[in-house]
Amino acid sequence: MRKVTFGAALATAAVAGTVVGLVISSRLDLVPPGYTSDDRPLIGGKMLAPADFVAVARRVTPAVISITSSKLVRPGNPGLESQGNPFDFFKLPNARGQARRATSLGSGVIVSADGLAVTNNHVVEEADQIEAVLPDKRRYKAVIVGTDPKTDMAVIRLTGAKNLPVVPWGDSRAVQVGEWVLAIGNPMGLSSTVTAGIISAEGRADVGVAEFEDFLQTDAAINPGNSGGALVTMRGELIGINTAIASRSGGSVGIGFAIPSRMARAVMEALVTKGKVTRGYLGIGLEPMSEELAKHFHWSDTSKGILVAEVQPGTPAAVSGLKDGDIIVGLNGEVVREVNQFRNAIALTRPGTKVQLDIVRQGKPQSMAATLAELPASRERPDVEPQSAPGTELGFEVQNMSADLARKLELPPTAAGAVVTDVAADSAAETAGLEAGDLIVAINKRPVRSAGDFTKVANRLKAGDSVLLRVQRGDAGRYLAFRLE
């Protein structure tokens, strides 16, 4: 699994990580149902009491496999190992300086009788040999059907397999906080280990494991080697793929994360049918609705709504009429409360699908439709070297835009504004998310074409005033708000 010291990776010789990816290393349209021999609950239709853990374990455990993946690693620099890849722990030269084979242990869940199984990408990433072992000791070579690093999901097929036990998919959207669940996998190489707990929280993001995160959190014990294993309800339904833990020690402290079945199943279906995952794309930059932002945009209900910080030209959002400063409060009839919730819902919707948006613009509710495009490849923002600049009382420094800075920031040569060159540690601006290299184009809704424009407004501010910045970061626009200290 991933350790966050998160998912957890267990080395044959060592255990490393913090959120931890849990693998042991020796080193929208949602797609339709399918790929299980029977999608009916294994244990009837009613919820079982904790005393019936044994019934669920007996039915589910036979379909949770141990995965051994390996790759040939070559001698490397012992000072350059990375904790991001479980195999990297073994990029150390042996006595003869020869390449050697490193192995990694994780878990997987069989979801079709002919050998289709789901696991984490970090369990099989870069592996050139994969073996799957069932609890009844049957062994199969496995091949990768497809991987999706953006969600840390992978699909493998057990070659030559037939009539295998399966775990039916459940609906993670129906799960409730406090509900009993079982985690089944192979922690520390101990096959068919079953632990019990509850759903501690839903919709966990910013764990640091994958680009798209919407984790179920559980206190069921999860340890290195559990990566890719099953999280099931008391009906014996698969509602999560165990992926990561939060831990300082590398072992379970009751904070585990599982990819919800809604996301895992959609990714699996896409990989099986198309060989890749295509995601919906709207073309907007978003900000969570903080209390400070809400004041500037006259929004009273901060329990819902997200702020449109940017609408990129020519995108589905622009075509639909969405504007910078709009507040999105609904998507296809569902209330929007978090940026991550909205982002994942759009990504899980098939390109070409029409979605309905409920927004508030200058206090007036509106509805509009947008037809999603396909999410393009993301661009990384280049590093910008901070330079000396005039000081302000806001906790950061700015300077005029130049042709050289515009090139480094990947902005048009005509870009204008005040470039942030340094942000004071622990300042309100840093807490709000301001970074060196951001281009300020407006302050308190007043345009900024130069450092001078910015300073004129900034000099009139006093302690306790609320500051709203409109910034350009690479090719994305953002709103940032904070109170002046």
Protein backbone atom coordinates (compact mmCIF):
# COMPACT_ATOMS: atom_id res chain seq x y z
CA MET A 1 0.00 0.00 0.00
CA ARG A 2 0.95 3.63 -0.09
CA LYS A 3 2.16 5.08 3.17
CA VAL A 4 1.10 8.84 3.64
CA THR A 5 3.82 7.75 6.04
CA PHE A 6 0.67 7.35 3.23
CA GLY A 7 -0.15 3.64 0.93
CA ALA A 8 2.24 1.17 2.33
CA ALA A 9 5.11 -0.55 0.60
CA LEU A 10 6.83 -3.31 2.52
CA ALA A 11 10.35 -4.20 1.57
CA THR A 12 11.65 -7.72 1.97
CA ALA A 13 14.60 -6.11 3.65
CA ALA A 14 13.03 -2.89 4.84
CA VAL A 15 9.79 -1.01 5.27
CA ALA A 16 9.59 2.62 4.19
CA GLY A 17 7.06 5.32 3.68
CA THR A 18 4.77 7.90 5.61
CA VAL A 19 0.94 8.20 3.72
CA VAL A 20 2.08 4.71 2.73
CA GLY A 21 1.14 2.84 -0.44
CA LEU A 22 0.63 -0.62 0.92
CA VAL A 23 2.77 -2.92 -1.13
CA ILE A 24 5.48 -5.12 0.24
CA SER A 25 8.61 -4.58 -1.75
CA SER A 26 11.84 -6.49 -1.55
CA ARG A 27 13.76 -3.75 -2.26
CA LEU A 28 -19.70 10.71 -16.73
CA ASP A 29 -21.45 8.50 -17.48
CA LEU A 30 -20.39 5.78 -15.24
CA VAL A 31 -19.89 2.59 -17.17
CA PRO A 32 -22.57 -0.09 -16.91
CA PRO A 33 -22.31 -3.13 -14.62
CA GLY A 34 -20.20 -6.04 -15.75
CA TYR A 35 -17.23 -8.26 -15.21
CA THR A 36 -18.55 -10.26 -12.29
CA SER A 37 -20.24 -13.61 -12.62
CA ASP A 38 -22.93 -12.48 -10.19
CA ASP A 39 -23.51 -8.96 -8.90
CA ARG A 40 -25.92 -10.08 -6.19
CA PRO A 41 -24.77 -9.60 -2.58
CA LEU A 42 -22.95 -12.66 -1.27
CA ILE A 43 -24.70 -12.56 2.09
CA GLY A 44 -28.35 -11.89 1.36
CA GLY A 45 -29.92 -8.46 1.19
CA LYS A 46 -29.95 -7.39 4.83
CA MET A 47 -27.10 -5.86 6.80
CA LEU A 48 -25.46 -8.36 9.11
CA ALA A 49 -24.45 -7.89 12.71
CA PRO A 50 -20.76 -7.96 13.72
CA ALA A 51 -21.28 -11.54 14.93
CA ASP A 52 -21.62 -12.51 11.27
CA PHE A 53 -18.11 -11.31 10.29
CA VAL A 54 -17.21 -14.97 9.84
CA ALA A 55 -19.84 -15.50 7.15
CA VAL A 56 -18.61 -12.54 5.11
CA ALA A 57 -14.95 -13.50 5.54
CA ARG A 58 -15.61 -17.07 4.38
CA ARG A 59 -17.32 -15.91 1.22
CA VAL A 60 -14.99 -13.03 0.25
CA THR A 61 -11.52 -14.25 1.26
CA PRO A 62 -11.23 -16.93 -1.50
CA ALA A 63 -11.32 -14.15 -4.14
CA VAL A 64 -8.61 -11.95 -2.57
CA ILE A 65 -5.24 -12.83 -4.08
CA SER A 66 -1.62 -12.33 -3.18
CA ILE A 67 0.31 -10.59 -5.96
CA THR A 68 4.06 -10.96 -6.40
CA SER A 69 5.50 -8.60 -9.00
CA SER A 70 9.12 -8.32 -9.97
CA LYS A 71 11.43 -6.44 -12.28
CA LEU A 72 15.09 -6.45 -13.16
CA VAL A 73 16.89 -3.60 -11.40
CA ARG A 74 20.33 -2.40 -12.29
CA PRO A 75 23.07 -1.00 -10.05
CA GLY A 76 22.46 2.60 -9.12
CA ASN A 77 23.64 5.34 -6.83
CA PRO A 78 22.77 4.39 -3.21
CA GLY A 79 22.15 8.02 -2.44
CA LEU A 80 19.47 8.49 -5.05
CA GLU A 81 16.76 6.00 -4.06
CA SER A 82 13.17 7.24 -4.27
CA GLN A 83 10.33 6.22 -1.99
CA GLY A 84 7.84 6.71 -4.81
CA ASN A 85 8.52 3.33 -6.42
CA PRO A 86 8.74 0.20 -4.24
CA PHE A 87 11.41 -1.19 -6.51
CA ASP A 88 13.64 1.83 -5.92
CA PHE A 89 14.56 0.52 -2.48
CA PHE A 90 16.67 -2.06 -4.26
CA LYS A 91 18.57 0.09 -6.69
CA LEU A 92 21.74 -0.61 -4.74
CA PRO A 93 24.79 -2.20 -6.35
CA ASN A 94 25.41 -5.77 -5.29
CA ALA A 95 28.85 -7.16 -4.63
CA ARG A 96 29.49 -7.80 -8.31
CA GLY A 97 27.74 -4.67 -9.60
CA GLN A 98 25.28 -6.82 -11.53
CA ALA A 99 21.58 -6.37 -12.19
CA ARG A 100 19.26 -8.41 -10.01
CA ARG A 101 15.56 -9.12 -9.71
CA ALA A 102 13.58 -7.26 -7.05
CA THR A 103 10.17 -8.45 -5.93
CA SER A 104 7.18 -6.67 -4.45
CA LEU A 105 4.19 -8.16 -2.64
CA GLY A 106 0.66 -6.78 -2.64
CA SER A 107 -2.95 -7.84 -2.89
CA GLY A 108 -5.69 -7.95 -5.51
CA VAL A 109 -9.38 -8.73 -5.85
CA ILE A 110 -10.85 -11.11 -8.44
CA VAL A 111 -13.93 -9.55 -10.04
CA SER A 112 -14.61 -11.98 -12.90
CA ALA A 113 -14.60 -15.77 -12.96
CA ASP A 114 -12.27 -15.80 -15.98
CA GLY A 115 -9.46 -14.13 -14.06
CA LEU A 116 -9.91 -10.37 -14.18
CA ALA A 117 -8.60 -8.74 -10.99
CA VAL A 118 -8.16 -5.20 -9.72
CA THR A 119 -5.27 -3.89 -7.65
CA ASN A 120 -3.22 -0.72 -7.16
CA ASN A 121 -0.97 0.66 -9.86
CA HIS A 122 1.89 0.89 -7.37
CA VAL A 123 1.66 -2.88 -6.77
CA VAL A 124 2.48 -3.78 -10.38
CA GLU A 125 4.08 -0.59 -11.73
CA GLU A 126 7.06 -1.31 -14.01
CA ALA A 127 6.88 -5.04 -13.23
CA ASP A 128 7.89 -7.44 -16.00
CA GLN A 129 6.75 -10.57 -14.14
CA ILE A 130 3.56 -10.96 -12.08
CA GLU A 131 2.30 -14.00 -10.19
CA ALA A 132 -1.08 -14.29 -8.46
CA VAL A 133 -1.73 -16.83 -5.71
CA LEU A 134 -5.22 -17.69 -4.49
CA PRO A 135 -5.90 -18.64 -0.86
CA ASP A 136 -6.37 -22.26 -2.03
CA LYS A 137 -2.72 -22.14 -3.26
CA ARG A 138 -3.55 -22.08 -6.98
CA ARG A 139 -0.92 -20.04 -8.82
CA TYR A 140 -1.30 -18.11 -12.06
CA LYS A 141 0.93 -15.93 -14.14
CA ALA A 142 -0.73 -12.58 -14.67
CA VAL A 143 -0.51 -9.85 -17.28
CA ILE A 144 -1.36 -6.18 -16.98
CA VAL A 145 -4.57 -5.24 -18.79
CA GLY A 146 -4.12 -1.56 -18.05
CA THR A 147 -3.00 0.93 -15.42
CA ASP A 148 -4.15 4.38 -14.38
CA PRO A 149 -1.56 6.21 -12.25
CA LYS A 150 -3.92 9.18 -11.86
CA THR A 151 -6.08 7.06 -9.52
CA ASP A 152 -3.44 4.45 -8.56
CA MET A 153 -5.55 1.70 -10.13
CA ALA A 154 -4.50 -1.30 -12.22
CA VAL A 155 -6.26 -4.25 -13.82
CA ILE A 156 -4.55 -7.60 -14.33
CA ARG A 157 -5.67 -10.88 -15.86
CA LEU A 158 -4.76 -14.30 -14.47
CA THR A 159 -3.77 -16.24 -17.59
CA GLY A 160 -5.60 -19.50 -18.23
CA ALA A 161 -7.94 -19.01 -15.28
CA LYS A 162 -11.58 -20.06 -15.24
CA ASN A 163 -14.32 -20.66 -12.71
CA LEU A 164 -12.61 -18.48 -10.11
CA PRO A 165 -14.35 -17.08 -7.02
CA VAL A 166 -15.28 -13.42 -7.32
CA VAL A 167 -16.25 -10.51 -5.09
CA PRO A 168 -19.31 -8.62 -6.41
CA TRP A 169 -19.13 -4.86 -6.73
CA GLY A 170 -21.01 -2.74 -4.24
CA ASP A 171 -21.98 0.93 -4.46
CA SER A 172 -19.62 3.10 -2.43
CA ARG A 173 -22.10 5.98 -2.70
CA ALA A 174 -24.52 4.02 -0.50
CA VAL A 175 -21.97 3.52 2.28
CA GLN A 176 -22.48 5.48 5.49
CA VAL A 177 -19.97 6.73 8.03
CA GLY A 178 -20.06 4.34 10.99
CA GLU A 179 -20.92 1.30 8.87
CA TRP A 180 -19.04 -1.93 9.59
CA VAL A 181 -16.52 -3.09 6.96
CA LEU A 182 -13.88 -5.80 6.59
CA ALA A 183 -10.43 -5.29 5.07
CA ILE A 184 -8.96 -8.41 3.46
CA GLY A 185 -5.47 -8.76 2.03
CA ASN A 186 -1.94 -9.99 2.61
CA PRO A 187 -0.21 -7.64 5.08
CA MET A 188 3.43 -8.41 5.75
CA GLY A 189 3.07 -11.41 3.44
CA LEU A 190 0.48 -12.99 5.77
CA SER A 191 -2.08 -14.27 3.28
CA SER A 192 -5.84 -13.98 3.72
CA THR A 193 -5.71 -11.64 6.71
CA VAL A 194 -9.10 -10.24 7.72
CA THR A 195 -9.54 -7.15 9.90
CA ALA A 196 -12.72 -5.33 10.94
CA GLY A 197 -13.55 -1.69 11.41
CA ILE A 198 -15.95 1.02 10.34
CA ILE A 199 -16.10 3.67 7.65
CA SER A 200 -14.53 6.62 9.42
CA ALA A 201 -15.08 9.24 6.70
CA GLU A 202 -15.88 9.68 3.03
CA GLY A 203 -14.44 11.85 0.28
CA ARG A 204 -10.92 12.17 1.65
CA ALA A 205 -8.66 14.07 -0.73
CA ASP A 206 -5.20 15.68 -0.59
CA VAL A 207 -3.79 12.45 0.79
CA GLY A 208 -0.94 12.70 -1.70
CA VAL A 209 -1.25 9.28 -3.30
CA ALA A 210 -2.89 10.06 -6.65
CA GLU A 211 -4.05 12.94 -8.80
CA PHE A 212 -7.73 12.03 -8.43
CA GLU A 213 -8.56 11.19 -4.81
CA ASP A 214 -11.93 10.49 -3.22
CA PHE A 215 -10.93 7.98 -0.57
CA LEU A 216 -13.04 6.11 1.92
CA GLN A 217 -11.32 6.28 5.31
CA THR A 218 -11.48 3.26 7.62
CA ASP A 219 -10.07 2.23 10.99
CA ALA A 220 -9.87 -1.43 9.94
CA ALA A 221 -6.21 -2.41 10.36
CA ILE A 222 -4.33 -2.02 7.07
CA ASN A 223 -0.60 -2.61 6.78
CA PRO A 224 2.14 -2.93 4.14
CA GLY A 225 1.10 -5.69 1.77
CA ASN A 226 -2.60 -4.78 1.92
CA SER A 227 -2.33 -2.59 -1.18
CA GLY A 228 -4.90 -3.62 -3.75
CA GLY A 229 -6.90 -5.68 -1.25
CA ALA A 230 -10.63 -5.62 -0.61
CA LEU A 231 -12.72 -3.39 1.60
CA VAL A 232 -16.16 -5.01 1.81
CA THR A 233 -19.50 -4.33 3.46
CA MET A 234 -21.34 -6.72 5.73
CA ARG A 235 -23.22 -7.83 2.63
CA GLY A 236 -19.96 -9.08 1.15
CA GLU A 237 -19.84 -6.35 -1.50
CA LEU A 238 -16.64 -4.69 -2.71
CA ILE A 239 -16.86 -0.99 -1.92
CA GLY A 240 -13.16 -0.09 -1.82
CA ILE A 241 -9.64 -1.02 -2.91
CA ASN A 242 -7.26 -0.59 0.05
CA THR A 243 -4.51 1.77 -1.03
CA ALA A 244 -2.81 3.81 1.68
CA ILE A 245 -2.34 4.42 5.38
CA ALA A 246 -1.40 7.47 7.40
CA SER A 247 1.32 6.42 9.80
CA ARG A 248 4.59 7.58 11.31
CA SER A 249 5.69 4.03 12.08
CA GLY A 250 4.79 2.38 8.79
CA GLY A 251 2.14 0.23 10.47
CA SER A 252 -1.57 0.68 11.05
CA VAL A 253 -2.70 3.38 13.45
CA GLY A 254 -6.34 3.16 12.43
CA ILE A 255 -6.21 5.57 9.50
CA GLY A 256 -6.51 3.71 6.22
CA PHE A 257 -7.67 4.84 2.78
CA ALA A 258 -9.47 2.90 0.06
CA ILE A 259 -10.36 3.90 -3.50
CA PRO A 260 -14.19 3.86 -3.60
CA SER A 261 -15.81 1.27 -5.82
CA ARG A 262 -17.54 3.95 -7.87
CA MET A 263 -14.17 5.22 -9.06
CA ALA A 264 -12.39 1.86 -9.13
CA ARG A 265 -15.09 0.19 -11.20
CA ALA A 266 -15.30 3.04 -13.71
CA VAL A 267 -11.53 2.95 -14.19
CA MET A 268 -11.53 -0.84 -14.56
CA GLU A 269 -14.29 -0.80 -17.17
CA ALA A 270 -12.47 1.87 -19.18
CA LEU A 271 -9.17 -0.02 -19.09
CA VAL A 272 -10.83 -3.28 -20.12
CA THR A 273 -12.98 -1.87 -22.92
CA LYS A 274 -10.72 0.88 -24.30
CA GLY A 275 -7.27 0.21 -22.89
CA LYS A 276 -7.13 3.69 -21.35
CA VAL A 277 -9.11 6.04 -19.14
CA THR A 278 -10.69 9.08 -20.75
CA ARG A 279 -11.97 11.79 -18.45
CA GLY A 280 -14.46 14.57 -18.82
CA TYR A 281 -13.17 18.14 -19.08
CA LEU A 282 -14.97 21.42 -18.49
CA GLY A 283 -12.09 23.90 -18.71
CA ILE A 284 -12.35 25.90 -15.50
CA GLY A 285 -10.20 26.74 -12.50
CA LEU A 286 -11.92 26.36 -9.14
CA GLU A 287 -11.49 27.56 -5.58
CA PRO A 288 -13.16 26.28 -2.39
CA MET A 289 -15.55 28.83 -0.93
CA SER A 290 -13.73 30.13 2.14
CA GLU A 291 -15.27 32.69 4.47
CA GLU A 292 -13.00 35.41 3.10
CA LEU A 293 -13.89 34.63 -0.52
CA ALA A 294 -17.58 34.44 0.39
CA LYS A 295 -17.47 38.01 1.72
CA HIS A 296 -16.04 39.33 -1.54
CA PHE A 297 -18.61 37.48 -3.65
CA HIS A 298 -21.59 38.17 -1.35
CA TRP A 299 -22.20 34.50 -0.65
CA SER A 300 -23.73 33.62 2.71
CA ASP A 301 -23.91 29.80 2.67
CA THR A 302 -20.32 28.53 2.81
CA SER A 303 -21.54 24.97 3.45
CA LYS A 304 -21.99 24.61 -0.30
CA GLY A 305 -20.75 26.14 -3.52
CA ILE A 306 -17.36 26.46 -5.20
CA LEU A 307 -15.95 29.52 -6.93
CA VAL A 308 -15.07 29.66 -10.62
CA ALA A 309 -11.65 31.30 -10.65
CA GLU A 310 -11.01 30.99 -14.39
CA VAL A 311 -12.78 29.99 -17.58
CA GLN A 312 -10.37 28.94 -20.30
CA PRO A 313 -11.22 30.22 -23.81
CA GLY A 314 -12.70 27.76 -26.27
CA THR A 315 -13.51 25.15 -23.62
CA PRO A 316 -16.92 23.60 -22.85
CA ALA A 317 -17.24 25.99 -19.90
CA ALA A 318 -16.68 29.03 -22.11
CA VAL A 319 -19.13 27.77 -24.73
CA SER A 320 -21.77 27.17 -22.05
CA GLY A 321 -21.50 30.77 -20.82
CA LEU A 322 -19.85 30.07 -17.48
CA LYS A 323 -17.93 33.10 -16.18
CA ASP A 324 -15.13 33.92 -13.80
CA GLY A 325 -16.71 34.70 -10.41
CA ASP A 326 -19.68 32.35 -10.83
CA ILE A 327 -20.48 30.10 -7.87
CA ILE A 328 -21.32 26.50 -8.81
CA VAL A 329 -23.87 25.06 -6.38
CA GLY A 330 -25.18 22.03 -8.28
CA LEU A 331 -24.15 19.40 -10.83
CA ASN A 332 -26.84 17.25 -12.45
CA GLY A 333 -29.18 17.94 -9.56
CA GLU A 334 -26.69 17.14 -6.80
CA VAL A 335 -25.47 19.79 -4.37
CA VAL A 336 -21.82 20.76 -4.89
CA ARG A 337 -19.94 21.30 -1.63
CA GLU A 338 -16.27 20.65 -2.40
CA VAL A 339 -13.91 21.27 -5.31
CA ASN A 340 -12.69 17.69 -5.14
CA GLN A 341 -16.26 16.35 -5.28
CA PHE A 342 -17.01 18.37 -8.42
CA ARG A 343 -13.67 17.63 -10.08
CA ASN A 344 -14.01 13.87 -9.59
CA ALA A 345 -17.61 13.87 -10.83
CA ILE A 346 -16.62 15.67 -14.03
CA ALA A 347 -13.60 13.41 -14.54
CA LEU A 348 -15.71 10.26 -14.13
CA THR A 349 -18.19 11.47 -16.74
CA ARG A 350 -17.60 10.32 -20.30
CA PRO A 351 -16.43 13.02 -22.77
CA GLY A 352 -19.31 14.12 -24.99
CA THR A 353 -21.82 13.93 -22.14
CA LYS A 354 -24.03 16.94 -21.46
CA VAL A 355 -24.05 18.04 -17.81
CA GLN A 356 -26.38 20.45 -16.04
CA LEU A 357 -24.81 23.18 -13.90
CA ASP A 358 -26.62 25.22 -11.25
CA ILE A 359 -24.80 28.46 -10.52
CA VAL A 360 -25.21 31.75 -8.70
CA ARG A 361 -24.03 34.85 -10.57
CA GLN A 362 -24.04 38.15 -8.69
CA GLY A 363 -26.61 36.76 -6.28
CA LYS A 364 -28.97 35.40 -8.95
CA PRO A 365 -29.42 31.62 -9.48
CA GLN A 366 -29.09 30.30 -13.03
CA SER A 367 -28.86 26.95 -14.80
CA MET A 368 -26.84 26.07 -17.86
CA ALA A 369 -25.77 22.99 -19.81
CA ALA A 370 -22.26 22.09 -20.95
CA THR A 371 -21.03 19.25 -23.15
CA LEU A 372 -17.79 17.84 -21.76
CA ALA A 373 -14.63 17.47 -23.81
CA GLU A 374 -11.78 15.04 -23.07
CA LEU A 375 -9.31 16.04 -20.39
CA PRO A 376 -6.03 17.02 -22.10
CA ALA A 377 -2.59 16.15 -20.79
CA SER A 378 -1.64 18.42 -17.89
CA ARG A 379 1.28 20.82 -18.02
CA GLU A 380 3.73 21.28 -15.21
CA ARG A 381 4.51 24.76 -13.99
CA PRO A 382 8.20 25.69 -14.31
CA ASP A 383 10.23 26.85 -11.36
CA VAL A 384 10.71 30.60 -11.09
CA GLU A 385 13.67 32.06 -9.29
CA PRO A 386 12.53 34.69 -6.74
CA GLN A 387 14.17 38.07 -7.23
CA SER A 388 14.50 41.11 -5.04
CA ALA A 389 11.47 43.36 -5.14
CA PRO A 390 9.80 46.25 -3.40
CA GLY A 391 8.42 45.24 -0.03
CA THR A 392 4.77 45.39 0.96
CA GLU A 393 2.95 44.96 4.25
CA LEU A 394 1.07 41.93 2.93
CA GLY A 395 3.66 39.27 3.67
CA PHE A 396 5.01 39.00 0.13
CA GLU A 397 7.02 40.92 -2.47
CA VAL A 398 6.26 41.76 -6.08
CA GLN A 399 7.98 43.15 -9.14
CA ASN A 400 7.01 44.18 -12.66
CA MET A 401 6.49 41.56 -15.34
CA SER A 402 9.31 41.23 -17.87
CA ALA A 403 9.72 39.29 -21.11
CA ASP A 404 12.12 36.91 -19.33
CA LEU A 405 9.68 36.25 -16.49
CA ALA A 406 6.81 35.76 -18.92
CA ARG A 407 8.86 33.10 -20.71
CA LYS A 408 9.70 31.31 -17.46
CA LEU A 409 6.08 31.42 -16.34
CA GLU A 410 4.90 30.18 -19.74
CA LEU A 411 2.75 33.28 -20.15
CA PRO A 412 2.21 35.37 -23.30
CA PRO A 413 4.86 38.08 -23.89
CA THR A 414 2.08 40.65 -23.46
CA ALA A 415 1.13 39.37 -19.98
CA ALA A 416 0.86 42.21 -17.48
CA GLY A 417 0.61 42.37 -13.72
CA ALA A 418 2.72 42.14 -10.58
CA VAL A 419 4.88 39.03 -10.22
CA VAL A 420 5.21 37.57 -6.71
CA THR A 421 8.90 37.03 -6.02
CA ASP A 422 8.82 35.96 -2.39
CA VAL A 423 6.19 34.96 0.18
CA ALA A 424 6.92 35.17 3.90
CA ALA A 425 6.72 31.88 5.77
CA ASP A 426 3.62 31.48 7.97
CA SER A 427 2.10 34.67 6.57
CA ALA A 428 -1.61 34.95 5.83
CA ALA A 429 -0.75 35.12 2.13
CA GLU A 430 1.16 31.84 2.31
CA THR A 431 -1.67 30.20 4.23
CA ALA A 432 -4.11 31.35 1.52
CA GLY A 433 -1.95 29.60 -1.09
CA LEU A 434 0.06 32.42 -2.69
CA GLU A 435 3.33 31.23 -4.24
CA ALA A 436 6.45 32.83 -5.69
CA GLY A 437 5.93 33.07 -9.45
CA ASP A 438 2.22 33.88 -9.24
CA LEU A 439 1.17 36.79 -11.46
CA ILE A 440 -1.25 39.13 -9.68
CA VAL A 441 -3.69 40.59 -12.21
CA ALA A 442 -6.17 42.13 -9.76
CA ILE A 443 -6.39 43.10 -6.10
CA ASN A 444 -9.78 43.63 -4.47
CA LYS A 445 -11.31 43.45 -7.97
CA ARG A 446 -9.13 46.33 -9.24
CA PRO A 447 -6.99 45.53 -12.30
CA VAL A 448 -3.23 45.30 -11.81
CA ARG A 449 -1.04 46.00 -14.85
CA SER A 450 2.20 46.62 -12.96
CA ALA A 451 3.84 46.47 -9.55
CA GLY A 452 2.97 50.16 -9.23
CA ASP A 453 -0.74 49.49 -9.71
CA PHE A 454 -0.56 46.83 -7.04
CA THR A 455 1.32 49.05 -4.58
CA LYS A 456 -1.20 51.90 -4.92
CA VAL A 457 -4.00 49.67 -3.69
CA ALA A 458 -1.87 47.79 -1.15
CA ASN A 459 -0.69 51.00 0.50
CA ARG A 460 -4.29 51.93 1.35
CA LEU A 461 -4.91 48.66 3.19
CA LYS A 462 -4.65 48.37 6.96
CA ALA A 463 -4.53 45.55 9.49
CA GLY A 464 -7.78 43.60 9.57
CA ASP A 465 -8.73 44.42 5.96
CA SER A 466 -9.73 41.55 3.70
CA VAL A 467 -7.61 41.08 0.57
CA LEU A 468 -8.84 39.39 -2.62
CA LEU A 469 -6.19 38.53 -5.20
CA ARG A 470 -6.78 37.34 -8.74
CA VAL A 471 -3.62 35.51 -9.82
CA GLN A 472 -2.42 33.67 -12.90
CA ARG A 473 -0.37 30.54 -12.18
CA GLY A 474 0.99 29.01 -15.37
CA ASP A 475 -2.07 28.49 -17.55
CA ALA A 476 -4.53 28.53 -14.63
CA GLY A 477 -6.25 31.43 -12.90
CA ARG A 478 -7.05 31.50 -9.18
CA TYR A 479 -8.72 33.63 -6.53
CA LEU A 480 -7.00 33.88 -3.15
CA ALA A 481 -8.40 35.70 -0.13
CA PHE A 482 -6.97 36.43 3.30
CA ARG A 483 -7.19 38.97 6.11
CA LEU A 484 -4.33 41.43 6.48
CA GLU A 485 -2.38 40.89 9.69
